[in-house]
Each structure stands twice: as C-alpha cells, then as structure tokens.
Amino acid sequence: MTKMNPVVHFEMPYENQKRLSKFYETVFGWQMQYMPKMGSYVLATTSPTDDKGMHKKKGAINGGFFPKGDYGTKPHLVIEVDDLQEHMGVVKKGGGKVLGEPMDIPGVGKFVMCVDTEGNRVGMLQAIEMQVENSRHGGG
C-alpha cells in the first residue's frame, strides 16, 4: 500500500493584502503576517502553536495567500512527501506534470508545484526534518 502523504498547508490568491488580512483576522481569528520580502506572501496561522511553531491541536494546518497573477489565480493544497525528487517521478508516472524546478524555502524545506491529471495545481513539500532523516539513510 502507498504511504499516505498529509496535507500540511493551503494557499489561496488575494488582490488586496490589507482587506484580506482584516477579513481572516476578524472573521476567523487567524494571525496574518505580511511578508513583502517573500513575494508579498501573507502567512496565515490558523490555530494556537507552541514555542516551536507546532500546532497544539492535532491535525490543524496553516496556510498562506499569494498575489493573484504570477503564481496563479486558484487555491491549492501543499502535500508533504518524504523525498521530493522521488515524488516528482511518481507524479510524472501517474500522469501529472511537475512545474519548474524545486526551490528551497529557508527554514521550511524544498518545494515544487505540480499539476494533477485534472488540471489542479498541487504543491509538494519535503520538510527540513525529512531532508535530515533522508540524508542519514543515504537519500535526499
């Protein structure tokens, strides 16, 4: 049986950062952090976290918002995988397409976007913990 890879993040587009942040802070109580040096990204913390940034509530995920345009106009999910390079091959073998080359996200891990067989964009993330674990076992 194939290992289940969990959804670890969501991303949605926005047009107006201030309006977006006010909405999610007011309506859902999320903490919204504007990150102009990261392509005007807005990080959304959706549930209380501990001092290491881990959710206190099991199963909760954070998300983010990107400016509509270069990165697309539709929401997508980010799925964690153990080995990004290996999973890029799995995506292609399964009939999907990998968009571009993997990029490093400082303090987070390696990331790449792909498209499934239905045209949906899906992000894949190999978290730093997985990279450390794989390097101990001769991988990634």
C-alpha atoms as a PDB file:
ATOM      1  CA  MET A   1       0.000   0.000   0.000  1.00  0.00           C
ATOM      2  CA  THR A   2       1.243   3.501  -0.819  1.00  0.00           C
ATOM      3  CA  LYS A   3       2.143   5.674   2.164  1.00  0.00           C
ATOM      4  CA  MET A   4      -0.401   8.420   2.899  1.00  0.00           C
ATOM      5  CA  ASN A   5       1.099  11.882   2.420  1.00  0.00           C
ATOM      6  CA  PRO A   6      -0.688  14.513   4.551  1.00  0.00           C
ATOM      7  CA  VAL A   7      -1.936  17.943   3.512  1.00  0.00           C
ATOM      8  CA  VAL A   8       0.281  20.326   5.501  1.00  0.00           C
ATOM      9  CA  HIS A   9      -0.565  23.745   4.078  1.00  0.00           C
ATOM     10  CA  PHE A  10      -3.093  25.560   1.913  1.00  0.00           C
ATOM     11  CA  GLU A  11      -2.576  28.534  -0.363  1.00  0.00           C
ATOM     12  CA  MET A  12      -5.089  30.940  -1.873  1.00  0.00           C
ATOM     13  CA  PRO A  13      -4.733  34.026  -4.066  1.00  0.00           C
ATOM     14  CA  TYR A  14      -5.531  37.585  -3.000  1.00  0.00           C
ATOM     15  CA  GLU A  15      -5.905  41.014  -4.586  1.00  0.00           C
ATOM     16  CA  ASN A  16      -5.762  43.348  -1.562  1.00  0.00           C
ATOM     17  CA  GLN A  17      -3.458  42.340   1.314  1.00  0.00           C
ATOM     18  CA  LYS A  18      -4.950  44.691   3.927  1.00  0.00           C
ATOM     19  CA  ARG A  19      -8.531  43.720   3.101  1.00  0.00           C
ATOM     20  CA  LEU A  20      -7.578  40.022   3.099  1.00  0.00           C
ATOM     21  CA  SER A  21      -5.792  40.203   6.460  1.00  0.00           C
ATOM     22  CA  LYS A  22      -8.619  42.158   8.102  1.00  0.00           C
ATOM     23  CA  PHE A  23     -11.192  39.619   6.887  1.00  0.00           C
ATOM     24  CA  TYR A  24      -9.422  36.497   8.182  1.00  0.00           C
ATOM     25  CA  GLU A  25      -8.349  38.142  11.447  1.00  0.00           C
ATOM     26  CA  THR A  26     -11.880  39.454  12.137  1.00  0.00           C
ATOM     27  CA  VAL A  27     -13.951  36.541  10.846  1.00  0.00           C
ATOM     28  CA  PHE A  28     -11.810  33.547  11.885  1.00  0.00           C
ATOM     29  CA  GLY A  29      -9.338  34.952  14.436  1.00  0.00           C
ATOM     30  CA  TRP A  30      -6.303  33.925  12.374  1.00  0.00           C
ATOM     31  CA  GLN A  31      -2.922  35.629  12.765  1.00  0.00           C
ATOM     32  CA  MET A  32      -1.977  37.129   9.417  1.00  0.00           C
ATOM     33  CA  GLN A  33       1.662  38.040   8.738  1.00  0.00           C
ATOM     34  CA  TYR A  34       2.532  40.059   5.633  1.00  0.00           C
ATOM     35  CA  MET A  35       5.914  39.052   4.192  1.00  0.00           C
ATOM     36  CA  PRO A  36       6.892  41.571   1.478  1.00  0.00           C
ATOM     37  CA  LYS A  37      10.372  40.058   1.023  1.00  0.00           C
ATOM     38  CA  MET A  38       8.781  36.688   0.160  1.00  0.00           C
ATOM     39  CA  GLY A  39       6.896  37.885  -2.912  1.00  0.00           C
ATOM     40  CA  SER A  40       4.201  39.718  -0.903  1.00  0.00           C
ATOM     41  CA  TYR A  41       3.168  36.429   0.694  1.00  0.00           C
ATOM     42  CA  VAL A  42       0.750  36.517   3.632  1.00  0.00           C
ATOM     43  CA  LEU A  43       1.253  33.717   6.159  1.00  0.00           C
ATOM     44  CA  ALA A  44      -1.895  32.572   7.988  1.00  0.00           C
ATOM     45  CA  THR A  45      -1.606  30.922  11.409  1.00  0.00           C
ATOM     46  CA  THR A  46      -4.928  29.148  11.916  1.00  0.00           C
ATOM     47  CA  SER A  47      -4.639  27.608  15.391  1.00  0.00           C
ATOM     48  CA  PRO A  48      -2.553  28.115  18.547  1.00  0.00           C
ATOM     49  CA  THR A  49       1.063  26.936  18.289  1.00  0.00           C
ATOM     50  CA  ASP A  50       3.737  26.069  20.835  1.00  0.00           C
ATOM     51  CA  ASP A  51       7.125  27.772  21.177  1.00  0.00           C
ATOM     52  CA  LYS A  52       8.464  25.680  18.261  1.00  0.00           C
ATOM     53  CA  GLY A  53       5.633  26.786  15.958  1.00  0.00           C
ATOM     54  CA  MET A  54       3.900  23.395  16.066  1.00  0.00           C
ATOM     55  CA  HIS A  55       0.114  23.247  16.369  1.00  0.00           C
ATOM     56  CA  LYS A  56      -1.214  22.436  19.806  1.00  0.00           C
ATOM     57  CA  LYS A  57      -4.299  20.921  18.150  1.00  0.00           C
ATOM     58  CA  LYS A  58      -3.517  17.735  16.213  1.00  0.00           C
ATOM     59  CA  GLY A  59      -4.454  17.832  12.544  1.00  0.00           C
ATOM     60  CA  ALA A  60      -4.586  21.620  12.183  1.00  0.00           C
ATOM     61  CA  ILE A  61      -2.715  23.212   9.284  1.00  0.00           C
ATOM     62  CA  ASN A  62      -1.584  26.729   8.493  1.00  0.00           C
ATOM     63  CA  GLY A  63      -1.777  28.392   5.152  1.00  0.00           C
ATOM     64  CA  GLY A  64      -0.868  31.396   3.151  1.00  0.00           C
ATOM     65  CA  PHE A  65      -2.025  33.779   0.476  1.00  0.00           C
ATOM     66  CA  PHE A  66      -0.208  34.852  -2.675  1.00  0.00           C
ATOM     67  CA  PRO A  67      -0.874  37.787  -5.002  1.00  0.00           C
ATOM     68  CA  LYS A  68      -3.082  36.797  -7.931  1.00  0.00           C
ATOM     69  CA  GLY A  69      -1.085  36.599 -11.131  1.00  0.00           C
ATOM     70  CA  ASP A  70       2.357  35.015 -11.421  1.00  0.00           C
ATOM     71  CA  TYR A  71       1.561  32.172  -9.028  1.00  0.00           C
ATOM     72  CA  GLY A  72      -1.906  31.521 -10.391  1.00  0.00           C
ATOM     73  CA  THR A  73      -5.455  32.510  -9.598  1.00  0.00           C
ATOM     74  CA  LYS A  74      -6.796  29.374  -7.922  1.00  0.00           C
ATOM     75  CA  PRO A  75      -6.339  27.911  -4.424  1.00  0.00           C
ATOM     76  CA  HIS A  76      -4.187  24.828  -3.974  1.00  0.00           C
ATOM     77  CA  LEU A  77      -3.009  22.446  -1.276  1.00  0.00           C
ATOM     78  CA  VAL A  78       0.525  21.577  -0.248  1.00  0.00           C
ATOM     79  CA  ILE A  79       1.221  17.894   0.456  1.00  0.00           C
ATOM     80  CA  GLU A  80       4.244  16.713   2.426  1.00  0.00           C
ATOM     81  CA  VAL A  81       6.395  13.982   0.861  1.00  0.00           C
ATOM     82  CA  ASP A  82       9.437  12.145   2.217  1.00  0.00           C
ATOM     83  CA  ASP A  83      11.620  12.574  -0.876  1.00  0.00           C
ATOM     84  CA  LEU A  84      10.764  15.398  -3.285  1.00  0.00           C
ATOM     85  CA  GLN A  85      12.934  14.185  -6.178  1.00  0.00           C
ATOM     86  CA  GLU A  86      11.469  10.697  -5.964  1.00  0.00           C
ATOM     87  CA  HIS A  87       7.905  12.006  -5.764  1.00  0.00           C
ATOM     88  CA  MET A  88       8.410  14.223  -8.810  1.00  0.00           C
ATOM     89  CA  GLY A  89       8.944  10.982 -10.718  1.00  0.00           C
ATOM     90  CA  VAL A  90       5.860   9.441  -9.115  1.00  0.00           C
ATOM     91  CA  VAL A  91       3.780  12.444 -10.251  1.00  0.00           C
ATOM     92  CA  LYS A  92       5.016  12.072 -13.840  1.00  0.00           C
ATOM     93  CA  LYS A  93       4.455   8.313 -13.802  1.00  0.00           C
ATOM     94  CA  GLY A  94       0.907   8.909 -12.531  1.00  0.00           C
ATOM     95  CA  GLY A  95       0.088  11.211 -15.445  1.00  0.00           C
ATOM     96  CA  GLY A  96       0.753  14.570 -13.756  1.00  0.00           C
ATOM     97  CA  LYS A  97       3.213  17.314 -14.636  1.00  0.00           C
ATOM     98  CA  VAL A  98       5.888  18.967 -12.499  1.00  0.00           C
ATOM     99  CA  LEU A  99       6.052  22.759 -12.909  1.00  0.00           C
ATOM    100  CA  GLY A 100       9.596  24.069 -12.875  1.00  0.00           C
ATOM    101  CA  GLU A 101      12.397  23.083 -10.548  1.00  0.00           C
ATOM    102  CA  PRO A 102      12.297  22.551  -6.773  1.00  0.00           C
ATOM    103  CA  MET A 103      13.040  25.645  -4.714  1.00  0.00           C
ATOM    104  CA  ASP A 104      14.422  25.981  -1.212  1.00  0.00           C
ATOM    105  CA  ILE A 105      12.200  27.702   1.335  1.00  0.00           C
ATOM    106  CA  PRO A 106      14.544  28.792   4.149  1.00  0.00           C
ATOM    107  CA  GLY A 107      13.674  27.171   7.463  1.00  0.00           C
ATOM    108  CA  VAL A 108      10.930  25.036   5.865  1.00  0.00           C
ATOM    109  CA  GLY A 109      12.244  22.703   3.169  1.00  0.00           C
ATOM    110  CA  LYS A 110      12.185  22.047  -0.580  1.00  0.00           C
ATOM    111  CA  PHE A 111       9.050  22.838  -2.602  1.00  0.00           C
ATOM    112  CA  VAL A 112       7.748  22.306  -6.132  1.00  0.00           C
ATOM    113  CA  MET A 113       4.370  22.724  -7.816  1.00  0.00           C
ATOM    114  CA  CYS A 114       2.767  20.076  -9.966  1.00  0.00           C
ATOM    115  CA  VAL A 115      -0.463  19.612 -11.872  1.00  0.00           C
ATOM    116  CA  ASP A 116      -2.642  16.534 -11.402  1.00  0.00           C
ATOM    117  CA  THR A 117      -4.478  14.682 -14.176  1.00  0.00           C
ATOM    118  CA  GLU A 118      -7.483  17.034 -13.753  1.00  0.00           C
ATOM    119  CA  GLY A 119      -5.523  20.278 -14.132  1.00  0.00           C
ATOM    120  CA  ASN A 120      -5.418  21.088 -10.399  1.00  0.00           C
ATOM    121  CA  ARG A 121      -2.234  22.684  -9.059  1.00  0.00           C
ATOM    122  CA  VAL A 122      -0.768  20.868  -6.047  1.00  0.00           C
ATOM    123  CA  GLY A 123       2.335  21.815  -4.106  1.00  0.00           C
ATOM    124  CA  MET A 124       4.722  19.185  -2.761  1.00  0.00           C
ATOM    125  CA  LEU A 125       6.977  19.875   0.216  1.00  0.00           C
ATOM    126  CA  GLN A 126       9.892  17.904   1.597  1.00  0.00           C
ATOM    127  CA  ALA A 127      10.180  19.394   5.067  1.00  0.00           C
ATOM    128  CA  ILE A 128      13.594  20.009   6.608  1.00  0.00           C
ATOM    129  CA  GLU A 129      13.060  17.163   9.117  1.00  0.00           C
ATOM    130  CA  MET A 130      12.534  14.770   6.194  1.00  0.00           C
ATOM    131  CA  GLN A 131      15.680  16.068   4.453  1.00  0.00           C
ATOM    132  CA  VAL A 132      17.744  15.433   7.592  1.00  0.00           C
ATOM    133  CA  GLU A 133      16.225  11.959   8.027  1.00  0.00           C
ATOM    134  CA  ASN A 134      16.832  11.054   4.341  1.00  0.00           C
ATOM    135  CA  SER A 135      20.452  12.229   4.478  1.00  0.00           C
ATOM    136  CA  ARG A 136      21.053   9.827   7.364  1.00  0.00           C
ATOM    137  CA  HIS A 137      19.736   6.983   5.223  1.00  0.00           C
ATOM    138  CA  GLY A 138      21.570   7.949   2.015  1.00  0.00           C
ATOM    139  CA  GLY A 139      18.582   9.790   0.470  1.00  0.00           C
ATOM    140  CA  GLY A 140      17.706  13.396  -0.436  1.00  0.00           C
END
